[in-house]
N, C-alpha and C. Protein backbone atom coordinates (compact mmCIF):
# COMPACT_ATOMS: atom_id res chain seq x y z
N MET A 1 15.19 -50.07 -24.14
CA MET A 1 15.53 -48.71 -24.46
C MET A 1 17.04 -48.49 -24.31
N ARG A 2 17.68 -49.24 -23.44
CA ARG A 2 19.13 -49.07 -23.25
C ARG A 2 19.90 -49.33 -24.55
N ARG A 3 19.46 -50.35 -25.29
CA ARG A 3 20.16 -50.64 -26.55
C ARG A 3 19.99 -49.49 -27.53
N ALA A 4 18.79 -48.94 -27.63
CA ALA A 4 18.54 -47.82 -28.54
C ALA A 4 19.40 -46.62 -28.13
N GLU A 5 19.48 -46.35 -26.84
CA GLU A 5 20.31 -45.24 -26.36
C GLU A 5 21.78 -45.47 -26.69
N ALA A 6 22.25 -46.70 -26.52
CA ALA A 6 23.64 -47.02 -26.83
C ALA A 6 23.92 -46.86 -28.32
N GLU A 7 22.98 -47.29 -29.16
CA GLU A 7 23.15 -47.15 -30.61
C GLU A 7 23.16 -45.68 -31.02
N ALA A 8 22.30 -44.89 -30.43
CA ALA A 8 22.28 -43.46 -30.74
C ALA A 8 23.61 -42.81 -30.34
N GLU A 9 24.11 -43.18 -29.18
CA GLU A 9 25.38 -42.63 -28.74
C GLU A 9 26.51 -43.06 -29.67
N ARG A 10 26.50 -44.33 -30.06
CA ARG A 10 27.53 -44.85 -30.96
C ARG A 10 27.51 -44.12 -32.30
N LEU A 11 26.31 -43.78 -32.77
CA LEU A 11 26.18 -43.09 -34.06
C LEU A 11 26.31 -41.58 -33.94
N GLY A 12 26.39 -41.08 -32.71
CA GLY A 12 26.57 -39.65 -32.51
C GLY A 12 25.33 -38.82 -32.79
N VAL A 13 24.16 -39.42 -32.53
CA VAL A 13 22.91 -38.68 -32.73
C VAL A 13 22.20 -38.51 -31.39
N GLU A 14 21.50 -37.41 -31.26
CA GLU A 14 20.77 -37.14 -30.03
C GLU A 14 19.29 -37.45 -30.27
N ILE A 15 18.78 -38.39 -29.51
CA ILE A 15 17.39 -38.81 -29.63
C ILE A 15 16.77 -38.84 -28.24
N ASP A 16 15.58 -38.28 -28.12
CA ASP A 16 14.85 -38.30 -26.86
C ASP A 16 13.93 -39.52 -26.89
N PHE A 17 14.40 -40.64 -26.33
CA PHE A 17 13.62 -41.87 -26.31
C PHE A 17 12.61 -41.82 -25.18
N ARG A 18 11.43 -42.39 -25.42
CA ARG A 18 10.40 -42.51 -24.38
C ARG A 18 9.74 -43.88 -24.48
N VAL A 19 9.29 -44.38 -23.37
CA VAL A 19 8.48 -45.59 -23.33
C VAL A 19 7.13 -45.18 -22.77
N CYS A 20 6.09 -45.40 -23.55
CA CYS A 20 4.75 -44.94 -23.17
C CYS A 20 3.70 -45.97 -23.53
N ASP A 21 2.56 -45.86 -22.88
CA ASP A 21 1.38 -46.62 -23.28
C ASP A 21 0.83 -45.95 -24.52
N MET A 22 0.78 -46.67 -25.62
CA MET A 22 0.36 -46.07 -26.89
C MET A 22 -1.06 -45.49 -26.81
N ARG A 23 -1.87 -46.02 -25.93
CA ARG A 23 -3.25 -45.53 -25.82
C ARG A 23 -3.30 -44.15 -25.18
N GLU A 24 -2.22 -43.74 -24.51
CA GLU A 24 -2.17 -42.46 -23.82
C GLU A 24 -0.89 -41.70 -24.16
N LEU A 25 -0.51 -41.74 -25.41
CA LEU A 25 0.75 -41.16 -25.84
C LEU A 25 0.85 -39.66 -25.55
N ALA A 26 -0.23 -38.93 -25.76
CA ALA A 26 -0.21 -37.47 -25.56
C ALA A 26 0.09 -37.10 -24.11
N ARG A 27 -0.17 -37.99 -23.17
CA ARG A 27 0.15 -37.72 -21.75
C ARG A 27 1.63 -37.87 -21.46
N CYS A 28 2.33 -38.59 -22.32
CA CYS A 28 3.74 -38.91 -22.09
C CYS A 28 4.69 -37.97 -22.82
N VAL A 29 4.23 -37.39 -23.91
CA VAL A 29 5.11 -36.55 -24.73
C VAL A 29 4.45 -35.20 -25.02
N ASP A 30 5.28 -34.22 -25.29
CA ASP A 30 4.79 -32.90 -25.69
C ASP A 30 5.08 -32.72 -27.18
N GLY A 31 4.19 -32.05 -27.87
CA GLY A 31 4.44 -31.71 -29.26
C GLY A 31 3.99 -32.77 -30.23
N GLU A 32 4.38 -32.55 -31.48
CA GLU A 32 4.03 -33.45 -32.56
C GLU A 32 5.31 -33.91 -33.25
N PHE A 33 5.21 -35.05 -33.93
CA PHE A 33 6.39 -35.70 -34.46
C PHE A 33 6.23 -36.04 -35.94
N ASP A 34 7.37 -36.09 -36.63
CA ASP A 34 7.39 -36.52 -38.03
C ASP A 34 7.11 -38.01 -38.15
N ALA A 35 7.58 -38.77 -37.17
CA ALA A 35 7.42 -40.23 -37.21
C ALA A 35 7.32 -40.77 -35.79
N ILE A 36 6.53 -41.82 -35.65
CA ILE A 36 6.44 -42.57 -34.41
C ILE A 36 6.69 -44.02 -34.78
N ILE A 37 7.56 -44.69 -34.03
CA ILE A 37 7.97 -46.05 -34.35
C ILE A 37 7.52 -46.99 -33.24
N SER A 38 6.88 -48.08 -33.63
CA SER A 38 6.45 -49.12 -32.69
C SER A 38 6.88 -50.46 -33.29
N CYS A 39 7.91 -51.06 -32.71
CA CYS A 39 8.47 -52.28 -33.28
C CYS A 39 8.17 -53.50 -32.43
N ASP A 40 8.28 -54.62 -33.07
CA ASP A 40 8.05 -55.94 -32.51
C ASP A 40 6.59 -56.09 -32.10
N ASN A 41 6.32 -56.33 -30.84
CA ASN A 41 4.96 -56.75 -30.52
C ASN A 41 4.21 -55.84 -29.58
N ALA A 42 4.38 -54.55 -29.68
CA ALA A 42 3.59 -53.62 -28.86
C ALA A 42 2.11 -53.70 -29.26
N LEU A 43 1.83 -53.68 -30.53
CA LEU A 43 0.43 -53.68 -30.99
C LEU A 43 -0.32 -54.96 -30.62
N PRO A 44 0.26 -56.16 -30.78
CA PRO A 44 -0.48 -57.37 -30.42
C PRO A 44 -0.83 -57.49 -28.93
N HIS A 45 -0.19 -56.68 -28.07
CA HIS A 45 -0.56 -56.70 -26.66
C HIS A 45 -1.89 -55.99 -26.41
N LEU A 46 -2.37 -55.26 -27.39
CA LEU A 46 -3.69 -54.63 -27.29
C LEU A 46 -4.71 -55.69 -27.68
N LEU A 47 -5.59 -56.02 -26.76
CA LEU A 47 -6.40 -57.22 -26.92
C LEU A 47 -7.79 -57.01 -27.49
N SER A 48 -8.13 -55.76 -27.80
CA SER A 48 -9.46 -55.53 -28.36
C SER A 48 -9.38 -54.49 -29.47
N VAL A 49 -10.40 -54.46 -30.29
CA VAL A 49 -10.48 -53.47 -31.35
C VAL A 49 -10.52 -52.07 -30.74
N GLU A 50 -11.17 -51.92 -29.60
CA GLU A 50 -11.25 -50.63 -28.93
C GLU A 50 -9.87 -50.15 -28.47
N GLU A 51 -9.08 -51.06 -27.88
CA GLU A 51 -7.73 -50.69 -27.44
C GLU A 51 -6.85 -50.32 -28.64
N LEU A 52 -6.94 -51.09 -29.71
CA LEU A 52 -6.16 -50.79 -30.90
C LEU A 52 -6.58 -49.44 -31.49
N GLY A 53 -7.87 -49.18 -31.53
CA GLY A 53 -8.37 -47.89 -32.01
C GLY A 53 -7.89 -46.74 -31.16
N ALA A 54 -7.88 -46.93 -29.85
CA ALA A 54 -7.40 -45.88 -28.94
C ALA A 54 -5.92 -45.61 -29.18
N ALA A 55 -5.15 -46.66 -29.39
CA ALA A 55 -3.71 -46.49 -29.63
C ALA A 55 -3.46 -45.76 -30.94
N ILE A 56 -4.12 -46.16 -32.00
CA ILE A 56 -3.92 -45.51 -33.30
C ILE A 56 -4.39 -44.06 -33.25
N GLY A 57 -5.52 -43.80 -32.58
CA GLY A 57 -5.99 -42.43 -32.43
C GLY A 57 -5.03 -41.57 -31.63
N SER A 58 -4.45 -42.15 -30.59
CA SER A 58 -3.48 -41.43 -29.76
C SER A 58 -2.22 -41.10 -30.56
N VAL A 59 -1.75 -42.08 -31.33
CA VAL A 59 -0.57 -41.85 -32.17
C VAL A 59 -0.88 -40.77 -33.20
N TYR A 60 -2.00 -40.88 -33.85
CA TYR A 60 -2.39 -39.91 -34.88
C TYR A 60 -2.41 -38.49 -34.31
N SER A 61 -2.88 -38.33 -33.08
CA SER A 61 -2.97 -37.00 -32.48
C SER A 61 -1.59 -36.40 -32.20
N CYS A 62 -0.55 -37.22 -32.19
CA CYS A 62 0.81 -36.74 -31.91
C CYS A 62 1.67 -36.60 -33.16
N LEU A 63 1.10 -36.88 -34.33
CA LEU A 63 1.86 -36.78 -35.58
C LEU A 63 1.63 -35.43 -36.24
N LEU A 64 2.70 -34.88 -36.82
CA LEU A 64 2.57 -33.70 -37.65
C LEU A 64 1.79 -34.08 -38.90
N SER A 65 1.22 -33.10 -39.56
CA SER A 65 0.54 -33.35 -40.83
C SER A 65 1.53 -34.02 -41.78
N GLY A 66 1.16 -35.14 -42.34
CA GLY A 66 2.05 -35.88 -43.22
C GLY A 66 2.98 -36.82 -42.49
N GLY A 67 2.90 -36.86 -41.15
CA GLY A 67 3.75 -37.75 -40.36
C GLY A 67 3.37 -39.21 -40.56
N VAL A 68 4.24 -40.11 -40.13
CA VAL A 68 4.02 -41.53 -40.35
C VAL A 68 4.17 -42.32 -39.06
N LEU A 69 3.40 -43.39 -38.97
CA LEU A 69 3.58 -44.41 -37.94
C LEU A 69 4.26 -45.58 -38.61
N ILE A 70 5.41 -45.98 -38.07
CA ILE A 70 6.11 -47.15 -38.57
C ILE A 70 5.92 -48.23 -37.51
N ALA A 71 5.21 -49.30 -37.89
CA ALA A 71 4.90 -50.35 -36.92
C ALA A 71 5.26 -51.71 -37.52
N SER A 72 5.73 -52.59 -36.66
CA SER A 72 6.01 -53.95 -37.10
C SER A 72 5.52 -54.91 -36.03
N THR A 73 5.24 -56.11 -36.46
CA THR A 73 4.93 -57.19 -35.53
C THR A 73 5.79 -58.38 -35.91
N ARG A 74 6.00 -59.24 -34.97
CA ARG A 74 6.83 -60.42 -35.21
C ARG A 74 6.05 -61.65 -34.76
N ASP A 75 6.02 -62.66 -35.60
CA ASP A 75 5.31 -63.90 -35.29
C ASP A 75 6.25 -64.83 -34.52
N TYR A 76 6.27 -64.67 -33.20
CA TYR A 76 7.17 -65.46 -32.39
C TYR A 76 6.81 -66.95 -32.40
N ASP A 77 5.54 -67.28 -32.59
CA ASP A 77 5.15 -68.68 -32.68
C ASP A 77 5.85 -69.35 -33.86
N ALA A 78 5.86 -68.68 -35.00
CA ALA A 78 6.52 -69.25 -36.18
C ALA A 78 8.02 -69.37 -35.96
N ILE A 79 8.62 -68.40 -35.30
CA ILE A 79 10.06 -68.44 -35.03
C ILE A 79 10.39 -69.60 -34.11
N CYS A 80 9.57 -69.79 -33.07
CA CYS A 80 9.81 -70.88 -32.11
C CYS A 80 9.64 -72.25 -32.77
N LEU A 81 8.66 -72.37 -33.66
CA LEU A 81 8.43 -73.65 -34.34
C LEU A 81 9.58 -74.02 -35.26
N ARG A 82 10.23 -73.00 -35.86
CA ARG A 82 11.36 -73.27 -36.75
C ARG A 82 12.62 -73.61 -35.98
N GLY A 83 12.73 -73.05 -34.75
CA GLY A 83 13.95 -73.16 -33.98
C GLY A 83 14.25 -74.53 -33.54
């Protein structure tokens, strides 16, 4: 999160960054959002269909109508094999 905060400061934008368990997002933040971003490997740490469903449901409950979840995963095994 420190890097994100430094980048926001460098760009002159004010962003309220939070680190939360995606399965319990509504407990960590107030309100609804236009977008929620989950990058790299937050989602693969959820080890069951139930946990993934809870995370997606939690995110959905915090999005404004028409809001988006931007999520990415990275295949570190493939990166390590190439390295």
